[in-house]
Amino acid sequence: MAFYNIWGIIISSGFFMAETITISKTEYDYLKKKADFADDVLCQLEVSLEDIQAGRIRPASH
């Protein structure tokens, strides 16, 4: 039995085997934008956590 991740790579028995799939340009652009956005969010989260650890974040005063 084979399991596929979101990039179309077969994950089975501890090894990876690339598989070619065909998607429309529209779907590719949509997935690329989502991947770029997710990468940006993760980078911002990483920087924010580093700021918290370094004590550069203060509680907001209302």
N, C-alpha and C. Protein backbone atom coordinates (compact mmCIF):
# COMPACT_ATOMS: atom_id res chain seq x y z
N MET A 1 0.85 -1.18 0.00
CA MET A 1 0.00 0.00 0.00
C MET A 1 0.89 1.24 0.00
N ALA A 2 0.55 2.21 -0.82
CA ALA A 2 1.34 3.44 -0.93
C ALA A 2 0.57 4.60 -0.33
N PHE A 3 1.30 5.51 0.28
CA PHE A 3 0.74 6.73 0.81
C PHE A 3 1.36 7.90 0.06
N TYR A 4 0.56 8.91 -0.24
CA TYR A 4 1.05 10.07 -1.00
C TYR A 4 1.02 11.30 -0.11
N ASN A 5 2.05 12.11 -0.21
CA ASN A 5 2.01 13.39 0.47
C ASN A 5 1.49 14.44 -0.51
N ILE A 6 1.45 15.71 -0.09
CA ILE A 6 0.85 16.73 -0.95
C ILE A 6 1.66 17.04 -2.20
N TRP A 7 2.91 16.61 -2.26
CA TRP A 7 3.74 16.86 -3.44
C TRP A 7 3.70 15.68 -4.40
N GLY A 8 2.87 14.68 -4.14
CA GLY A 8 2.76 13.54 -5.04
C GLY A 8 3.89 12.54 -4.89
N ILE A 9 4.58 12.58 -3.76
CA ILE A 9 5.66 11.64 -3.53
C ILE A 9 5.12 10.45 -2.75
N ILE A 10 5.43 9.28 -3.23
CA ILE A 10 4.97 8.05 -2.57
C ILE A 10 5.82 7.83 -1.32
N ILE A 11 5.14 7.61 -0.20
CA ILE A 11 5.82 7.29 1.05
C ILE A 11 5.43 5.86 1.39
N SER A 12 6.36 4.96 1.30
CA SER A 12 6.07 3.56 1.56
C SER A 12 7.33 2.83 1.97
N SER A 13 7.25 2.06 3.01
CA SER A 13 8.36 1.22 3.47
C SER A 13 9.64 2.00 3.74
N GLY A 14 9.52 3.24 4.18
CA GLY A 14 10.70 4.00 4.57
C GLY A 14 11.52 4.59 3.44
N PHE A 15 11.04 4.56 2.21
CA PHE A 15 11.79 5.17 1.12
C PHE A 15 10.86 6.08 0.32
N PHE A 16 11.46 7.02 -0.40
CA PHE A 16 10.69 7.96 -1.20
C PHE A 16 10.92 7.69 -2.68
N MET A 17 9.85 7.75 -3.43
CA MET A 17 9.94 7.55 -4.86
C MET A 17 9.11 8.65 -5.53
N ALA A 18 9.72 9.46 -6.37
CA ALA A 18 9.00 10.55 -7.02
C ALA A 18 8.02 10.00 -8.05
N GLU A 19 6.90 10.66 -8.15
CA GLU A 19 5.89 10.29 -9.13
C GLU A 19 5.46 11.56 -9.84
N THR A 20 5.33 11.52 -11.14
CA THR A 20 4.91 12.67 -11.92
C THR A 20 3.40 12.71 -11.99
N ILE A 21 2.85 13.91 -11.73
CA ILE A 21 1.41 14.10 -11.87
C ILE A 21 1.18 15.31 -12.78
N THR A 22 -0.01 15.45 -13.29
CA THR A 22 -0.35 16.57 -14.15
C THR A 22 -1.47 17.37 -13.50
N ILE A 23 -1.22 18.68 -13.35
CA ILE A 23 -2.25 19.57 -12.83
C ILE A 23 -2.32 20.79 -13.75
N SER A 24 -3.43 21.49 -13.65
CA SER A 24 -3.59 22.68 -14.50
C SER A 24 -2.68 23.81 -14.00
N LYS A 25 -2.39 24.75 -14.87
CA LYS A 25 -1.57 25.91 -14.51
C LYS A 25 -2.25 26.70 -13.40
N THR A 26 -3.57 26.82 -13.48
CA THR A 26 -4.33 27.54 -12.46
C THR A 26 -4.15 26.90 -11.09
N GLU A 27 -4.26 25.57 -11.05
CA GLU A 27 -4.09 24.87 -9.78
C GLU A 27 -2.65 24.99 -9.28
N TYR A 28 -1.69 24.91 -10.19
CA TYR A 28 -0.28 25.07 -9.81
C TYR A 28 -0.05 26.44 -9.20
N ASP A 29 -0.56 27.50 -9.85
CA ASP A 29 -0.40 28.86 -9.33
C ASP A 29 -1.04 29.00 -7.95
N TYR A 30 -2.22 28.42 -7.78
CA TYR A 30 -2.93 28.46 -6.50
C TYR A 30 -2.10 27.77 -5.41
N LEU A 31 -1.59 26.58 -5.70
CA LEU A 31 -0.79 25.84 -4.71
C LEU A 31 0.52 26.55 -4.42
N LYS A 32 1.12 27.16 -5.44
CA LYS A 32 2.37 27.90 -5.25
C LYS A 32 2.16 29.10 -4.33
N LYS A 33 1.04 29.83 -4.53
CA LYS A 33 0.73 30.97 -3.67
C LYS A 33 0.52 30.51 -2.23
N LYS A 34 -0.19 29.40 -2.05
CA LYS A 34 -0.41 28.88 -0.71
C LYS A 34 0.90 28.48 -0.05
N ALA A 35 1.79 27.86 -0.80
CA ALA A 35 3.09 27.44 -0.25
C ALA A 35 3.92 28.66 0.12
N ASP A 36 3.91 29.68 -0.72
CA ASP A 36 4.66 30.91 -0.42
C ASP A 36 4.10 31.58 0.83
N PHE A 37 2.78 31.64 0.95
CA PHE A 37 2.14 32.24 2.11
C PHE A 37 2.50 31.47 3.38
N ALA A 38 2.41 30.15 3.31
CA ALA A 38 2.73 29.31 4.47
C ALA A 38 4.18 29.50 4.89
N ASP A 39 5.07 29.59 3.92
CA ASP A 39 6.49 29.80 4.22
C ASP A 39 6.69 31.14 4.91
N ASP A 40 6.02 32.17 4.42
CA ASP A 40 6.12 33.50 5.01
C ASP A 40 5.60 33.50 6.45
N VAL A 41 4.48 32.84 6.68
CA VAL A 41 3.91 32.77 8.03
C VAL A 41 4.87 32.05 8.98
N LEU A 42 5.46 30.97 8.52
CA LEU A 42 6.40 30.25 9.37
C LEU A 42 7.64 31.08 9.69
N CYS A 43 8.13 31.83 8.72
CA CYS A 43 9.28 32.71 8.96
C CYS A 43 8.92 33.79 9.97
N GLN A 44 7.74 34.39 9.85
CA GLN A 44 7.31 35.41 10.79
C GLN A 44 7.14 34.83 12.19
N LEU A 45 6.61 33.62 12.29
CA LEU A 45 6.45 32.96 13.58
C LEU A 45 7.80 32.69 14.23
N GLU A 46 8.75 32.23 13.43
CA GLU A 46 10.09 31.96 13.94
C GLU A 46 10.73 33.24 14.51
N VAL A 47 10.62 34.34 13.77
CA VAL A 47 11.18 35.61 14.23
C VAL A 47 10.46 36.07 15.50
N SER A 48 9.15 35.92 15.54
CA SER A 48 8.39 36.33 16.73
C SER A 48 8.80 35.52 17.95
N LEU A 49 8.98 34.22 17.79
CA LEU A 49 9.40 33.38 18.92
C LEU A 49 10.80 33.76 19.39
N GLU A 50 11.68 34.09 18.45
CA GLU A 50 13.02 34.54 18.83
C GLU A 50 12.94 35.86 19.60
N ASP A 51 12.04 36.77 19.18
CA ASP A 51 11.86 38.03 19.90
C ASP A 51 11.35 37.79 21.32
N ILE A 52 10.42 36.87 21.48
CA ILE A 52 9.89 36.55 22.81
C ILE A 52 11.00 35.99 23.69
N GLN A 53 11.78 35.05 23.15
CA GLN A 53 12.86 34.45 23.93
C GLN A 53 13.91 35.49 24.32
N ALA A 54 14.15 36.46 23.46
CA ALA A 54 15.16 37.48 23.74
C ALA A 54 14.61 38.62 24.60
N GLY A 55 13.32 38.58 24.92
CA GLY A 55 12.72 39.60 25.77
C GLY A 55 12.42 40.90 25.05
N ARG A 56 12.30 40.88 23.75
CA ARG A 56 12.03 42.10 22.98
C ARG A 56 10.53 42.39 22.82
N ILE A 57 9.69 41.55 23.39
CA ILE A 57 8.24 41.75 23.32
C ILE A 57 7.74 42.18 24.70
N ARG A 58 7.01 43.29 24.73
CA ARG A 58 6.44 43.76 25.99
C ARG A 58 4.92 43.62 25.92
N PRO A 59 4.28 43.40 27.04
CA PRO A 59 2.81 43.35 27.04
C PRO A 59 2.23 44.66 26.57
N ALA A 60 1.16 44.59 25.80
CA ALA A 60 0.51 45.79 25.31
C ALA A 60 -0.22 46.48 26.45
N SER A 61 -0.13 47.80 26.49
CA SER A 61 -0.85 48.55 27.53
C SER A 61 -2.07 49.19 26.88
N HIS A 62 -3.18 49.10 27.56
CA HIS A 62 -4.43 49.63 27.01
C HIS A 62 -4.82 50.88 27.72
